[in-house]
Amino acid sequence: MSKNVVSIIVIVFVGLLAWFLPQSEAKASPQTPCAVHQTVNCPFCHPQLIQTMGLCKEHDNIPEAQCVLCRPELKRAYQQEKDWCAEHSVPESQCTTCLLHGQNH
């Protein structure tokens, strides 16, 4: 093979590799448990999910990605972030009882 053909093959291969890798990682990353919280679709590690998942209609229109009532697996993540109201079993940032009464745990 001539040098030109080999060079073209290498350039095409590197270009295809560069095009496919970032796309596959971007699609898979929220579906893979994050390293910090060990949570799939972690709103702390993938904040874009807050926008893309929309609002939780059943629970005061908080972001679906952050709704611990729909997603109880988030409890540990909120606790790791020091955002948990143990008295009311919800994230402190979402605890309407504490917010209404001006309590801060």
N, C-alpha and C. Protein backbone atom coordinates (compact mmCIF):
# COMPACT_ATOMS: atom_id res chain seq x y z
N MET A 1 0.85 -1.19 0.00
CA MET A 1 0.00 0.00 0.00
C MET A 1 0.88 1.24 0.00
N SER A 2 0.38 2.25 -0.63
CA SER A 2 1.16 3.48 -0.65
C SER A 2 0.98 4.23 0.66
N LYS A 3 1.89 5.15 0.91
CA LYS A 3 1.84 5.94 2.14
C LYS A 3 0.55 6.77 2.21
N ASN A 4 0.07 7.26 1.09
CA ASN A 4 -1.14 8.09 1.06
C ASN A 4 -2.37 7.28 1.50
N VAL A 5 -2.48 6.04 1.04
CA VAL A 5 -3.62 5.21 1.40
C VAL A 5 -3.60 4.89 2.88
N VAL A 6 -2.44 4.55 3.41
CA VAL A 6 -2.31 4.25 4.84
C VAL A 6 -2.63 5.49 5.66
N SER A 7 -2.15 6.63 5.24
CA SER A 7 -2.43 7.88 5.96
C SER A 7 -3.92 8.18 5.97
N ILE A 8 -4.60 7.98 4.86
CA ILE A 8 -6.04 8.24 4.77
C ILE A 8 -6.80 7.28 5.68
N ILE A 9 -6.41 6.01 5.69
CA ILE A 9 -7.08 5.02 6.55
C ILE A 9 -6.91 5.40 8.01
N VAL A 10 -5.72 5.79 8.42
CA VAL A 10 -5.47 6.18 9.81
C VAL A 10 -6.29 7.41 10.18
N ILE A 11 -6.32 8.39 9.32
CA ILE A 11 -7.08 9.62 9.60
C ILE A 11 -8.57 9.32 9.73
N VAL A 12 -9.10 8.50 8.83
CA VAL A 12 -10.52 8.14 8.89
C VAL A 12 -10.81 7.37 10.18
N PHE A 13 -9.94 6.42 10.54
CA PHE A 13 -10.14 5.63 11.75
C PHE A 13 -10.13 6.51 13.00
N VAL A 14 -9.16 7.39 13.10
CA VAL A 14 -9.07 8.29 14.26
C VAL A 14 -10.28 9.21 14.31
N GLY A 15 -10.71 9.70 13.17
CA GLY A 15 -11.89 10.57 13.13
C GLY A 15 -13.15 9.86 13.58
N LEU A 16 -13.34 8.63 13.10
CA LEU A 16 -14.51 7.85 13.53
C LEU A 16 -14.46 7.52 15.01
N LEU A 17 -13.30 7.18 15.48
CA LEU A 17 -13.12 6.87 16.90
C LEU A 17 -13.46 8.09 17.76
N ALA A 18 -12.95 9.24 17.37
CA ALA A 18 -13.22 10.48 18.11
C ALA A 18 -14.70 10.85 18.06
N TRP A 19 -15.37 10.52 16.97
CA TRP A 19 -16.78 10.86 16.85
C TRP A 19 -17.66 9.94 17.67
N PHE A 20 -17.37 8.64 17.70
CA PHE A 20 -18.21 7.67 18.40
C PHE A 20 -18.00 7.64 19.90
N LEU A 21 -16.80 7.76 20.39
CA LEU A 21 -16.53 7.63 21.82
C LEU A 21 -17.26 8.66 22.67
N PRO A 22 -17.16 9.95 22.43
CA PRO A 22 -17.87 10.90 23.29
C PRO A 22 -19.38 10.71 23.28
N GLN A 23 -19.96 10.33 22.15
CA GLN A 23 -21.40 10.13 22.10
C GLN A 23 -21.83 8.95 22.92
N SER A 24 -21.13 7.84 22.86
CA SER A 24 -21.52 6.67 23.64
C SER A 24 -21.33 6.91 25.13
N GLU A 25 -20.28 7.64 25.53
CA GLU A 25 -20.08 7.94 26.95
C GLU A 25 -21.16 8.89 27.46
N ALA A 26 -21.56 9.87 26.67
CA ALA A 26 -22.57 10.82 27.10
C ALA A 26 -23.92 10.13 27.30
N LYS A 27 -24.25 9.17 26.46
CA LYS A 27 -25.52 8.47 26.60
C LYS A 27 -25.51 7.52 27.79
N ALA A 28 -24.39 6.90 28.06
CA ALA A 28 -24.32 5.87 29.09
C ALA A 28 -24.08 6.44 30.47
N SER A 29 -23.44 7.58 30.59
CA SER A 29 -23.00 8.05 31.90
C SER A 29 -24.11 8.21 32.94
N PRO A 30 -25.27 8.82 32.65
CA PRO A 30 -26.29 8.91 33.70
C PRO A 30 -26.87 7.54 34.09
N GLN A 31 -26.81 6.58 33.17
CA GLN A 31 -27.36 5.25 33.44
C GLN A 31 -26.40 4.37 34.25
N THR A 32 -25.17 4.81 34.39
CA THR A 32 -24.17 4.07 35.15
C THR A 32 -24.14 4.67 36.56
N PRO A 33 -24.12 3.84 37.59
CA PRO A 33 -24.03 4.42 38.94
C PRO A 33 -22.81 5.33 39.07
N CYS A 34 -23.03 6.52 39.61
CA CYS A 34 -21.93 7.47 39.75
C CYS A 34 -20.95 6.97 40.81
N ALA A 35 -19.73 7.42 40.70
CA ALA A 35 -18.67 6.98 41.61
C ALA A 35 -18.83 7.59 43.00
N VAL A 36 -19.43 8.76 43.07
CA VAL A 36 -19.55 9.47 44.35
C VAL A 36 -20.69 8.93 45.20
N HIS A 37 -21.89 8.77 44.60
CA HIS A 37 -23.08 8.40 45.36
C HIS A 37 -23.58 6.99 45.06
N GLN A 38 -22.98 6.32 44.09
CA GLN A 38 -23.41 4.98 43.67
C GLN A 38 -24.89 4.96 43.30
N THR A 39 -25.32 5.97 42.58
CA THR A 39 -26.73 6.13 42.20
C THR A 39 -26.86 6.31 40.69
N VAL A 40 -27.75 5.53 40.09
CA VAL A 40 -28.05 5.70 38.67
C VAL A 40 -28.88 6.96 38.50
N ASN A 41 -28.65 7.71 37.44
CA ASN A 41 -29.34 8.97 37.19
C ASN A 41 -29.19 9.93 38.39
N CYS A 42 -27.97 10.07 38.85
CA CYS A 42 -27.68 10.90 40.02
C CYS A 42 -27.80 12.39 39.66
N PRO A 43 -28.73 13.12 40.30
CA PRO A 43 -28.88 14.53 39.98
C PRO A 43 -27.72 15.39 40.48
N PHE A 44 -26.95 14.88 41.41
CA PHE A 44 -25.78 15.62 41.90
C PHE A 44 -24.63 15.54 40.89
N CYS A 45 -24.42 14.37 40.33
CA CYS A 45 -23.32 14.15 39.38
C CYS A 45 -23.72 14.47 37.94
N HIS A 46 -25.01 14.45 37.65
CA HIS A 46 -25.52 14.74 36.30
C HIS A 46 -26.63 15.78 36.41
N PRO A 47 -26.28 17.03 36.72
CA PRO A 47 -27.31 18.05 36.94
C PRO A 47 -28.20 18.32 35.73
N GLN A 48 -27.77 17.92 34.53
CA GLN A 48 -28.62 18.10 33.35
C GLN A 48 -29.90 17.29 33.47
N LEU A 49 -29.92 16.26 34.31
CA LEU A 49 -31.12 15.44 34.50
C LEU A 49 -32.24 16.23 35.15
N ILE A 50 -31.91 17.23 35.93
CA ILE A 50 -32.93 18.05 36.59
C ILE A 50 -33.81 18.71 35.53
N GLN A 51 -33.18 19.19 34.48
CA GLN A 51 -33.92 19.82 33.38
C GLN A 51 -34.61 18.79 32.50
N THR A 52 -33.90 17.73 32.14
CA THR A 52 -34.45 16.79 31.15
C THR A 52 -35.55 15.90 31.71
N MET A 53 -35.53 15.60 33.00
CA MET A 53 -36.56 14.72 33.57
C MET A 53 -37.85 15.46 33.93
N GLY A 54 -37.80 16.78 33.97
CA GLY A 54 -39.02 17.55 34.24
C GLY A 54 -39.39 17.57 35.72
N LEU A 55 -40.63 17.95 35.97
CA LEU A 55 -41.12 18.10 37.34
C LEU A 55 -41.95 16.91 37.78
N CYS A 56 -41.94 16.64 39.08
CA CYS A 56 -42.72 15.56 39.67
C CYS A 56 -44.10 16.13 40.02
N LYS A 57 -45.09 15.75 39.26
CA LYS A 57 -46.45 16.26 39.46
C LYS A 57 -47.07 15.75 40.77
N GLU A 58 -46.65 14.55 41.19
CA GLU A 58 -47.23 13.95 42.39
C GLU A 58 -46.71 14.57 43.70
N HIS A 59 -45.54 15.19 43.65
CA HIS A 59 -44.91 15.67 44.88
C HIS A 59 -44.45 17.11 44.77
N ASP A 60 -45.38 18.01 44.75
CA ASP A 60 -45.14 19.46 44.84
C ASP A 60 -44.30 20.04 43.71
N ASN A 61 -44.30 19.40 42.55
CA ASN A 61 -43.58 19.92 41.38
C ASN A 61 -42.09 20.16 41.62
N ILE A 62 -41.48 19.36 42.48
CA ILE A 62 -40.03 19.42 42.59
C ILE A 62 -39.44 18.68 41.39
N PRO A 63 -38.20 18.91 41.05
CA PRO A 63 -37.65 18.18 39.90
C PRO A 63 -37.72 16.67 40.11
N GLU A 64 -38.19 15.96 39.10
CA GLU A 64 -38.32 14.50 39.16
C GLU A 64 -36.98 13.84 39.49
N ALA A 65 -35.90 14.38 38.95
CA ALA A 65 -34.57 13.81 39.20
C ALA A 65 -34.19 13.88 40.67
N GLN A 66 -34.79 14.80 41.43
CA GLN A 66 -34.46 14.99 42.84
C GLN A 66 -35.54 14.49 43.78
N CYS A 67 -36.59 13.89 43.27
CA CYS A 67 -37.72 13.47 44.11
C CYS A 67 -37.38 12.17 44.84
N VAL A 68 -37.12 12.29 46.13
CA VAL A 68 -36.74 11.12 46.92
C VAL A 68 -37.96 10.24 47.23
N LEU A 69 -39.16 10.78 47.10
CA LEU A 69 -40.35 9.97 47.31
C LEU A 69 -40.57 9.02 46.14
N CYS A 70 -40.26 9.48 44.94
CA CYS A 70 -40.34 8.61 43.75
C CYS A 70 -39.07 7.78 43.59
N ARG A 71 -37.97 8.32 44.07
CA ARG A 71 -36.66 7.68 43.89
C ARG A 71 -35.99 7.49 45.25
N PRO A 72 -36.47 6.54 46.07
CA PRO A 72 -35.92 6.37 47.43
C PRO A 72 -34.43 6.04 47.45
N GLU A 73 -33.87 5.57 46.33
CA GLU A 73 -32.44 5.28 46.29
C GLU A 73 -31.60 6.55 46.42
N LEU A 74 -32.23 7.72 46.29
CA LEU A 74 -31.51 8.99 46.44
C LEU A 74 -31.24 9.36 47.89
N LYS A 75 -31.89 8.68 48.83
CA LYS A 75 -31.72 9.03 50.25
C LYS A 75 -30.25 9.05 50.64
N ARG A 76 -29.52 8.02 50.27
CA ARG A 76 -28.10 7.94 50.63
C ARG A 76 -27.32 9.09 50.01
N ALA A 77 -27.64 9.45 48.77
CA ALA A 77 -26.95 10.55 48.10
C ALA A 77 -27.21 11.87 48.83
N TYR A 78 -28.46 12.11 49.22
CA TYR A 78 -28.76 13.33 49.97
C TYR A 78 -28.05 13.34 51.32
N GLN A 79 -27.99 12.20 51.98
CA GLN A 79 -27.29 12.12 53.25
C GLN A 79 -25.80 12.41 53.07
N GLN A 80 -25.21 11.88 52.00
CA GLN A 80 -23.81 12.15 51.73
C GLN A 80 -23.57 13.63 51.46
N GLU A 81 -24.55 14.29 50.89
CA GLU A 81 -24.45 15.73 50.60
C GLU A 81 -24.81 16.58 51.82
N LYS A 82 -25.08 15.94 52.95
CA LYS A 82 -25.47 16.64 54.19
C LYS A 82 -26.75 17.46 53.98
N ASP A 83 -27.68 16.88 53.23
CA ASP A 83 -28.96 17.52 52.93
C ASP A 83 -30.08 16.53 53.26
N TRP A 84 -30.24 16.21 54.53
CA TRP A 84 -31.26 15.25 54.92
C TRP A 84 -31.90 15.66 56.24
N CYS A 85 -33.22 15.73 56.25
CA CYS A 85 -33.98 16.02 57.47
C CYS A 85 -34.42 14.68 58.05
N ALA A 86 -33.73 14.22 59.06
CA ALA A 86 -34.02 12.92 59.66
C ALA A 86 -35.40 12.92 60.34
N GLU A 87 -35.79 14.06 60.85
CA GLU A 87 -37.08 14.16 61.53
C GLU A 87 -38.25 13.90 60.59
N HIS A 88 -38.15 14.36 59.33
CA HIS A 88 -39.27 14.23 58.40
C HIS A 88 -38.97 13.30 57.23
N SER A 89 -37.80 12.70 57.20
CA SER A 89 -37.40 11.71 56.19
C SER A 89 -37.49 12.21 54.75
N VAL A 90 -37.05 13.42 54.55
CA VAL A 90 -36.95 14.02 53.21
C VAL A 90 -35.68 14.87 53.18
N PRO A 91 -35.21 15.24 51.99
CA PRO A 91 -34.07 16.15 51.95
C PRO A 91 -34.42 17.46 52.67
N GLU A 92 -33.49 17.98 53.41
CA GLU A 92 -33.75 19.22 54.14
C GLU A 92 -34.10 20.36 53.19
N SER A 93 -33.48 20.36 52.01
CA SER A 93 -33.77 21.40 51.03
C SER A 93 -35.19 21.30 50.48
N GLN A 94 -35.87 20.17 50.73
CA GLN A 94 -37.24 19.96 50.26
C GLN A 94 -38.23 19.82 51.41
N CYS A 95 -37.77 19.98 52.62
CA CYS A 95 -38.63 19.76 53.79
C CYS A 95 -39.52 20.99 54.01
N THR A 96 -40.74 20.90 53.53
CA THR A 96 -41.66 22.03 53.65
C THR A 96 -42.02 22.32 55.10
N THR A 97 -42.07 21.30 55.94
CA THR A 97 -42.39 21.52 57.36
C THR A 97 -41.32 22.39 58.01
N CYS A 98 -40.07 22.05 57.81
CA CYS A 98 -38.99 22.84 58.39
C CYS A 98 -38.91 24.23 57.76
N LEU A 99 -39.12 24.30 56.45
CA LEU A 99 -39.07 25.59 55.78
C LEU A 99 -40.17 26.52 56.26
N LEU A 100 -41.40 25.97 56.46
CA LEU A 100 -42.52 26.80 56.91
C LEU A 100 -42.33 27.30 58.35
N HIS A 101 -41.68 26.50 59.18
CA HIS A 101 -41.50 26.85 60.58
C HIS A 101 -40.13 27.44 60.87
N GLY A 102 -39.35 27.68 59.84
CA GLY A 102 -38.05 28.31 60.01
C GLY A 102 -37.04 27.45 60.74
N GLN A 103 -37.24 26.14 60.73
CA GLN A 103 -36.31 25.25 61.42
C GLN A 103 -35.14 24.93 60.51
N ASN A 104 -33.99 24.76 61.11
CA ASN A 104 -32.81 24.35 60.39
C ASN A 104 -32.08 23.32 61.26
N HIS A 105 -32.01 22.10 60.77
CA HIS A 105 -31.42 21.03 61.59
C HIS A 105 -29.93 21.02 61.45
